[in-house]
Amino acid sequence: MELEYLPRINELAKKSREVGLTDVEKQEQAELRKRYLADMRKSFEVELENTYIMEKDGTKHKLIKKS
């Protein structure tokens, strides 16, 4: 997963704590956070798709996605 925007998220967070953000920067920060969360959710979903539960008898069961 490419997180080329992560340094910008951190930069905006630091600036927010130190001096505050303009309205444009606040909007950019919100968009970057949404993108980051979407990427993290997708990564986690892929991880779960490749996860199996091993029973005591040695059989493996793939996780089933609940609706």
PDB file of N, CA and C in Angstrom:
ATOM      1  N   MET A   1       0.842  -1.176   0.000  1.00  0.00           N
ATOM      2  CA  MET A   1       0.000   0.000   0.000  1.00  0.00           C
ATOM      3  C   MET A   1       0.891   1.244   0.000  1.00  0.00           C
ATOM      4  N   GLU A   2       0.614   2.129  -0.908  1.00  0.00           N
ATOM      5  CA  GLU A   2       1.360   3.382  -1.016  1.00  0.00           C
ATOM      6  C   GLU A   2       0.724   4.436  -0.114  1.00  0.00           C
ATOM      7  N   LEU A   3       1.508   4.999   0.753  1.00  0.00           N
ATOM      8  CA  LEU A   3       0.999   6.037   1.649  1.00  0.00           C
ATOM      9  C   LEU A   3       1.797   7.325   1.439  1.00  0.00           C
ATOM     10  N   GLU A   4       1.857   7.761   0.185  1.00  0.00           N
ATOM     11  CA  GLU A   4       2.631   8.953  -0.146  1.00  0.00           C
ATOM     12  C   GLU A   4       2.052  10.213   0.487  1.00  0.00           C
ATOM     13  N   TYR A   5       0.807  10.166   0.887  1.00  0.00           N
ATOM     14  CA  TYR A   5       0.149  11.327   1.479  1.00  0.00           C
ATOM     15  C   TYR A   5       0.295  11.377   2.999  1.00  0.00           C
ATOM     16  N   LEU A   6       0.859  10.354   3.599  1.00  0.00           N
ATOM     17  CA  LEU A   6       1.003  10.313   5.053  1.00  0.00           C
ATOM     18  C   LEU A   6       1.888  11.442   5.593  1.00  0.00           C
ATOM     19  N   PRO A   7       3.009  11.766   4.957  1.00  0.00           N
ATOM     20  CA  PRO A   7       3.792  12.909   5.459  1.00  0.00           C
ATOM     21  C   PRO A   7       3.001  14.223   5.456  1.00  0.00           C
ATOM     22  N   ARG A   8       2.132  14.395   4.452  1.00  0.00           N
ATOM     23  CA  ARG A   8       1.318  15.613   4.386  1.00  0.00           C
ATOM     24  C   ARG A   8       0.280  15.632   5.512  1.00  0.00           C
ATOM     25  N   ILE A   9      -0.291  14.475   5.831  1.00  0.00           N
ATOM     26  CA  ILE A   9      -1.229  14.392   6.955  1.00  0.00           C
ATOM     27  C   ILE A   9      -0.530  14.804   8.240  1.00  0.00           C
ATOM     28  N   ASN A  10       0.667  14.286   8.441  1.00  0.00           N
ATOM     29  CA  ASN A  10       1.431  14.616   9.644  1.00  0.00           C
ATOM     30  C   ASN A  10       1.828  16.089   9.682  1.00  0.00           C
ATOM     31  N   GLU A  11       2.191  16.618   8.534  1.00  0.00           N
ATOM     32  CA  GLU A  11       2.567  18.029   8.441  1.00  0.00           C
ATOM     33  C   GLU A  11       1.385  18.928   8.815  1.00  0.00           C
ATOM     34  N   LEU A  12       0.209  18.602   8.296  1.00  0.00           N
ATOM     35  CA  LEU A  12      -0.981  19.394   8.613  1.00  0.00           C
ATOM     36  C   LEU A  12      -1.368  19.250  10.083  1.00  0.00           C
ATOM     37  N   ALA A  13      -1.211  18.060  10.648  1.00  0.00           N
ATOM     38  CA  ALA A  13      -1.530  17.860  12.062  1.00  0.00           C
ATOM     39  C   ALA A  13      -0.604  18.695  12.945  1.00  0.00           C
ATOM     40  N   LYS A  14       0.677  18.719  12.606  1.00  0.00           N
ATOM     41  CA  LYS A  14       1.641  19.510  13.380  1.00  0.00           C
ATOM     42  C   LYS A  14       1.315  20.999  13.283  1.00  0.00           C
ATOM     43  N   LYS A  15       1.032  21.451  12.050  1.00  0.00           N
ATOM     44  CA  LYS A  15       0.709  22.862  11.862  1.00  0.00           C
ATOM     45  C   LYS A  15      -0.575  23.228  12.607  1.00  0.00           C
ATOM     46  N   SER A  16      -1.531  22.316  12.616  1.00  0.00           N
ATOM     47  CA  SER A  16      -2.791  22.552  13.320  1.00  0.00           C
ATOM     48  C   SER A  16      -2.552  22.777  14.807  1.00  0.00           C
ATOM     49  N   ARG A  17      -1.681  21.984  15.396  1.00  0.00           N
ATOM     50  CA  ARG A  17      -1.370  22.129  16.819  1.00  0.00           C
ATOM     51  C   ARG A  17      -0.594  23.412  17.116  1.00  0.00           C
ATOM     52  N   GLU A  18       0.287  23.788  16.199  1.00  0.00           N
ATOM     53  CA  GLU A  18       1.181  24.921  16.460  1.00  0.00           C
ATOM     54  C   GLU A  18       0.561  26.281  16.150  1.00  0.00           C
ATOM     55  N   VAL A  19       0.002  26.433  14.941  1.00  0.00           N
ATOM     56  CA  VAL A  19      -0.486  27.757  14.539  1.00  0.00           C
ATOM     57  C   VAL A  19      -1.913  27.761  14.002  1.00  0.00           C
ATOM     58  N   GLY A  20      -2.457  26.597  13.741  1.00  0.00           N
ATOM     59  CA  GLY A  20      -3.805  26.523  13.173  1.00  0.00           C
ATOM     60  C   GLY A  20      -3.769  26.367  11.666  1.00  0.00           C
ATOM     61  N   LEU A  21      -4.898  25.996  11.102  1.00  0.00           N
ATOM     62  CA  LEU A  21      -5.001  25.751   9.668  1.00  0.00           C
ATOM     63  C   LEU A  21      -5.994  26.716   9.027  1.00  0.00           C
ATOM     64  N   THR A  22      -5.740  26.987   7.754  1.00  0.00           N
ATOM     65  CA  THR A  22      -6.700  27.768   6.984  1.00  0.00           C
ATOM     66  C   THR A  22      -7.853  26.844   6.605  1.00  0.00           C
ATOM     67  N   ASP A  23      -8.932  27.422   6.086  1.00  0.00           N
ATOM     68  CA  ASP A  23     -10.077  26.619   5.671  1.00  0.00           C
ATOM     69  C   ASP A  23      -9.701  25.640   4.561  1.00  0.00           C
ATOM     70  N   VAL A  24      -8.850  26.075   3.644  1.00  0.00           N
ATOM     71  CA  VAL A  24      -8.408  25.207   2.549  1.00  0.00           C
ATOM     72  C   VAL A  24      -7.598  24.039   3.105  1.00  0.00           C
ATOM     73  N   GLU A  25      -6.732  24.310   4.061  1.00  0.00           N
ATOM     74  CA  GLU A  25      -5.915  23.261   4.669  1.00  0.00           C
ATOM     75  C   GLU A  25      -6.778  22.295   5.481  1.00  0.00           C
ATOM     76  N   LYS A  26      -7.799  22.813   6.145  1.00  0.00           N
ATOM     77  CA  LYS A  26      -8.709  21.941   6.896  1.00  0.00           C
ATOM     78  C   LYS A  26      -9.441  20.989   5.952  1.00  0.00           C
ATOM     79  N   GLN A  27      -9.863  21.506   4.813  1.00  0.00           N
ATOM     80  CA  GLN A  27     -10.540  20.677   3.818  1.00  0.00           C
ATOM     81  C   GLN A  27      -9.577  19.618   3.271  1.00  0.00           C
ATOM     82  N   GLU A  28      -8.343  20.022   2.974  1.00  0.00           N
ATOM     83  CA  GLU A  28      -7.340  19.078   2.481  1.00  0.00           C
ATOM     84  C   GLU A  28      -7.087  17.986   3.522  1.00  0.00           C
ATOM     85  N   GLN A  29      -6.980  18.386   4.783  1.00  0.00           N
ATOM     86  CA  GLN A  29      -6.733  17.436   5.860  1.00  0.00           C
ATOM     87  C   GLN A  29      -7.874  16.419   5.957  1.00  0.00           C
ATOM     88  N   ALA A  30      -9.097  16.894   5.862  1.00  0.00           N
ATOM     89  CA  ALA A  30     -10.259  16.002   5.932  1.00  0.00           C
ATOM     90  C   ALA A  30     -10.261  15.002   4.770  1.00  0.00           C
ATOM     91  N   GLU A  31      -9.939  15.472   3.575  1.00  0.00           N
ATOM     92  CA  GLU A  31      -9.900  14.595   2.401  1.00  0.00           C
ATOM     93  C   GLU A  31      -8.790  13.558   2.527  1.00  0.00           C
ATOM     94  N   LEU A  32      -7.625  13.985   3.020  1.00  0.00           N
ATOM     95  CA  LEU A  32      -6.506  13.055   3.187  1.00  0.00           C
ATOM     96  C   LEU A  32      -6.831  11.999   4.251  1.00  0.00           C
ATOM     97  N   ARG A  33      -7.502  12.416   5.305  1.00  0.00           N
ATOM     98  CA  ARG A  33      -7.887  11.456   6.355  1.00  0.00           C
ATOM     99  C   ARG A  33      -8.880  10.435   5.829  1.00  0.00           C
ATOM    100  N   LYS A  34      -9.847  10.891   5.019  1.00  0.00           N
ATOM    101  CA  LYS A  34     -10.818   9.969   4.416  1.00  0.00           C
ATOM    102  C   LYS A  34     -10.102   8.950   3.532  1.00  0.00           C
ATOM    103  N   ARG A  35      -9.155   9.424   2.743  1.00  0.00           N
ATOM    104  CA  ARG A  35      -8.398   8.545   1.845  1.00  0.00           C
ATOM    105  C   ARG A  35      -7.584   7.537   2.649  1.00  0.00           C
ATOM    106  N   TYR A  36      -6.959   8.010   3.720  1.00  0.00           N
ATOM    107  CA  TYR A  36      -6.158   7.141   4.573  1.00  0.00           C
ATOM    108  C   TYR A  36      -7.029   6.042   5.198  1.00  0.00           C
ATOM    109  N   LEU A  37      -8.175   6.422   5.740  1.00  0.00           N
ATOM    110  CA  LEU A  37      -9.068   5.449   6.356  1.00  0.00           C
ATOM    111  C   LEU A  37      -9.595   4.432   5.341  1.00  0.00           C
ATOM    112  N   ALA A  38      -9.913   4.889   4.142  1.00  0.00           N
ATOM    113  CA  ALA A  38     -10.383   3.977   3.097  1.00  0.00           C
ATOM    114  C   ALA A  38      -9.289   2.976   2.736  1.00  0.00           C
ATOM    115  N   ASP A  39      -8.047   3.442   2.623  1.00  0.00           N
ATOM    116  CA  ASP A  39      -6.933   2.547   2.316  1.00  0.00           C
ATOM    117  C   ASP A  39      -6.695   1.540   3.439  1.00  0.00           C
ATOM    118  N   MET A  40      -6.791   1.997   4.679  1.00  0.00           N
ATOM    119  CA  MET A  40      -6.573   1.104   5.810  1.00  0.00           C
ATOM    120  C   MET A  40      -7.685   0.050   5.890  1.00  0.00           C
ATOM    121  N   ARG A  41      -8.920   0.451   5.643  1.00  0.00           N
ATOM    122  CA  ARG A  41     -10.033  -0.500   5.660  1.00  0.00           C
ATOM    123  C   ARG A  41      -9.867  -1.551   4.567  1.00  0.00           C
ATOM    124  N   LYS A  42      -9.458  -1.104   3.378  1.00  0.00           N
ATOM    125  CA  LYS A  42      -9.253  -2.032   2.264  1.00  0.00           C
ATOM    126  C   LYS A  42      -8.124  -3.005   2.590  1.00  0.00           C
ATOM    127  N   SER A  43      -7.053  -2.514   3.165  1.00  0.00           N
ATOM    128  CA  SER A  43      -5.930  -3.365   3.542  1.00  0.00           C
ATOM    129  C   SER A  43      -6.354  -4.407   4.566  1.00  0.00           C
ATOM    130  N   PHE A  44      -7.144  -3.991   5.542  1.00  0.00           N
ATOM    131  CA  PHE A  44      -7.623  -4.902   6.573  1.00  0.00           C
ATOM    132  C   PHE A  44      -8.560  -5.947   5.977  1.00  0.00           C
ATOM    133  N   GLU A  45      -9.393  -5.536   5.038  1.00  0.00           N
ATOM    134  CA  GLU A  45     -10.308  -6.465   4.380  1.00  0.00           C
ATOM    135  C   GLU A  45      -9.535  -7.532   3.616  1.00  0.00           C
ATOM    136  N   VAL A  46      -8.500  -7.132   2.906  1.00  0.00           N
ATOM    137  CA  VAL A  46      -7.660  -8.081   2.170  1.00  0.00           C
ATOM    138  C   VAL A  46      -6.988  -9.051   3.137  1.00  0.00           C
ATOM    139  N   GLU A  47      -6.513  -8.535   4.263  1.00  0.00           N
ATOM    140  CA  GLU A  47      -5.888  -9.381   5.285  1.00  0.00           C
ATOM    141  C   GLU A  47      -6.879 -10.431   5.795  1.00  0.00           C
ATOM    142  N   LEU A  48      -8.105 -10.021   6.054  1.00  0.00           N
ATOM    143  CA  LEU A  48      -9.112 -10.959   6.547  1.00  0.00           C
ATOM    144  C   LEU A  48      -9.523 -11.985   5.495  1.00  0.00           C
ATOM    145  N   GLU A  49      -9.481 -11.593   4.216  1.00  0.00           N
ATOM    146  CA  GLU A  49      -9.810 -12.530   3.145  1.00  0.00           C
ATOM    147  C   GLU A  49      -8.800 -13.674   3.076  1.00  0.00           C
ATOM    148  N   ASN A  50      -7.601 -13.436   3.573  1.00  0.00           N
ATOM    149  CA  ASN A  50      -6.548 -14.446   3.555  1.00  0.00           C
ATOM    150  C   ASN A  50      -6.310 -15.060   4.929  1.00  0.00           C
ATOM    151  N   THR A  51      -7.296 -14.978   5.801  1.00  0.00           N
ATOM    152  CA  THR A  51      -7.181 -15.515   7.150  1.00  0.00           C
ATOM    153  C   THR A  51      -8.020 -16.780   7.281  1.00  0.00           C
ATOM    154  N   TYR A  52      -7.423 -17.783   7.889  1.00  0.00           N
ATOM    155  CA  TYR A  52      -8.102 -19.052   8.124  1.00  0.00           C
ATOM    156  C   TYR A  52      -8.094 -19.361   9.616  1.00  0.00           C
ATOM    157  N   ILE A  53      -9.096 -20.108  10.050  1.00  0.00           N
ATOM    158  CA  ILE A  53      -9.164 -20.585  11.425  1.00  0.00           C
ATOM    159  C   ILE A  53      -8.829 -22.062  11.397  1.00  0.00           C
ATOM    160  N   MET A  54      -7.839 -22.440  12.210  1.00  0.00           N
ATOM    161  CA  MET A  54      -7.454 -23.836  12.262  1.00  0.00           C
ATOM    162  C   MET A  54      -8.102 -24.499  13.483  1.00  0.00           C
ATOM    163  N   GLU A  55      -8.822 -25.557  13.217  1.00  0.00           N
ATOM    164  CA  GLU A  55      -9.484 -26.311  14.280  1.00  0.00           C
ATOM    165  C   GLU A  55      -8.489 -27.257  14.944  1.00  0.00           C
ATOM    166  N   LYS A  56      -8.870 -27.793  16.081  1.00  0.00           N
ATOM    167  CA  LYS A  56      -8.001 -28.714  16.820  1.00  0.00           C
ATOM    168  C   LYS A  56      -7.684 -29.973  16.019  1.00  0.00           C
ATOM    169  N   ASP A  57      -8.606 -30.379  15.143  1.00  0.00           N
ATOM    170  CA  ASP A  57      -8.362 -31.589  14.342  1.00  0.00           C
ATOM    171  C   ASP A  57      -7.499 -31.312  13.110  1.00  0.00           C
ATOM    172  N   GLY A  58      -7.078 -30.073  12.931  1.00  0.00           N
ATOM    173  CA  GLY A  58      -6.183 -29.721  11.829  1.00  0.00           C
ATOM    174  C   GLY A  58      -6.873 -29.167  10.604  1.00  0.00           C
ATOM    175  N   THR A  59      -8.175 -29.145  10.589  1.00  0.00           N
ATOM    176  CA  THR A  59      -8.881 -28.594   9.433  1.00  0.00           C
ATOM    177  C   THR A  59      -8.856 -27.068   9.481  1.00  0.00           C
ATOM    178  N   LYS A  60      -8.865 -26.473   8.297  1.00  0.00           N
ATOM    179  CA  LYS A  60      -8.848 -25.013   8.185  1.00  0.00           C
ATOM    180  C   LYS A  60     -10.183 -24.542   7.621  1.00  0.00           C
ATOM    181  N   HIS A  61     -10.656 -23.419   8.160  1.00  0.00           N
ATOM    182  CA  HIS A  61     -11.895 -22.807   7.685  1.00  0.00           C
ATOM    183  C   HIS A  61     -11.618 -21.348   7.362  1.00  0.00           C
ATOM    184  N   LYS A  62     -12.018 -20.958   6.191  1.00  0.00           N
ATOM    185  CA  LYS A  62     -11.874 -19.557   5.798  1.00  0.00           C
ATOM    186  C   LYS A  62     -12.907 -18.719   6.531  1.00  0.00           C
ATOM    187  N   LEU A  63     -12.536 -17.498   6.905  1.00  0.00           N
ATOM    188  CA  LEU A  63     -13.484 -16.601   7.543  1.00  0.00           C
ATOM    189  C   LEU A  63     -14.583 -16.230   6.572  1.00  0.00           C
ATOM    190  N   ILE A  64     -15.785 -16.115   7.062  1.00  0.00           N
ATOM    191  CA  ILE A  64     -16.940 -15.773   6.233  1.00  0.00           C
ATOM    192  C   ILE A  64     -17.340 -14.331   6.553  1.00  0.00           C
ATOM    193  N   LYS A  65     -17.496 -13.535   5.501  1.00  0.00           N
ATOM    194  CA  LYS A  65     -17.878 -12.145   5.672  1.00  0.00           C
ATOM    195  C   LYS A  65     -19.353 -12.064   6.067  1.00  0.00           C
ATOM    196  N   LYS A  66     -19.614 -11.382   7.162  1.00  0.00           N
ATOM    197  CA  LYS A  66     -20.992 -11.182   7.606  1.00  0.00           C
ATOM    198  C   LYS A  66     -21.553  -9.907   6.988  1.00  0.00           C
ATOM    199  N   SER A  67     -22.804  -9.936   6.663  1.00  0.00           N
ATOM    200  CA  SER A  67     -23.433  -8.767   6.043  1.00  0.00           C
ATOM    201  C   SER A  67     -23.860  -7.771   7.071  1.00  0.00           C
TER     202      SER A  67
END
